[in-house]
């Protein structure tokens, strides 16, 4: 069965939604990375304080 062909407006709408979904995913990944970096920095600070 052939896939349904989309008109230009439908394609634009679909692409826009995919971009919004991608942007949301990227934002979530960035937040997780920031949390990991903060945790690593805290661990490093604690390690340095412990070794004094």
Protein backbone atom coordinates (compact mmCIF):
# COMPACT_ATOMS: atom_id res chain seq x y z
CA UNK A 1 0.00 0.00 0.00
CA UNK A 2 1.36 3.43 -0.95
CA UNK A 3 1.83 6.00 1.80
CA UNK A 4 -0.68 8.82 1.74
CA UNK A 5 0.65 11.88 -0.04
CA UNK A 6 0.55 15.08 1.98
CA UNK A 7 -0.08 18.53 0.63
CA UNK A 8 2.33 21.37 1.32
CA UNK A 9 0.42 22.72 4.34
CA UNK A 10 0.26 19.28 5.92
CA UNK A 11 3.98 18.77 5.39
CA UNK A 12 4.76 22.16 6.94
CA UNK A 13 2.54 21.36 9.92
CA UNK A 14 4.12 17.92 10.35
CA UNK A 15 7.67 19.29 10.08
CA UNK A 16 6.89 22.09 12.54
CA UNK A 17 5.55 19.57 15.07
CA UNK A 18 8.61 17.36 14.62
CA UNK A 19 10.88 20.37 15.22
CA UNK A 20 8.97 21.30 18.38
CA UNK A 21 9.26 17.71 19.62
CA UNK A 22 12.99 17.72 18.84
CA UNK A 23 13.44 21.02 20.67
CA UNK A 24 11.66 19.61 23.72
CA UNK A 25 13.86 16.51 23.67
CA UNK A 26 17.02 18.62 23.38
CA UNK A 27 15.91 20.79 26.30
CA UNK A 28 15.35 17.71 28.45
CA UNK A 29 18.77 16.34 27.53
CA UNK A 30 20.40 19.68 28.35
CA UNK A 31 18.72 19.76 31.76
CA UNK A 32 19.91 16.21 32.53
CA UNK A 33 23.46 17.16 31.50
CA UNK A 34 23.38 20.26 33.71
CA UNK A 35 22.25 18.17 36.68
CA UNK A 36 25.03 15.65 36.05
CA UNK A 37 27.62 18.43 35.78
CA UNK A 38 26.38 19.96 39.04
CA UNK A 39 26.55 16.60 40.77
CA UNK A 40 30.09 16.00 39.50
CA UNK A 41 31.19 19.46 40.60
CA UNK A 42 29.69 18.90 44.07
CA UNK A 43 31.41 15.53 44.34
CA UNK A 44 34.72 17.06 43.31
CA UNK A 45 34.33 19.87 45.88
CA UNK A 46 33.53 17.37 48.62
CA UNK A 47 36.52 15.26 47.61
CA UNK A 48 38.82 18.30 47.75
CA UNK A 49 37.45 19.33 51.17
CA UNK A 50 37.83 15.79 52.48
CA UNK A 51 41.48 15.60 51.36
CA UNK A 52 42.52 18.82 53.13
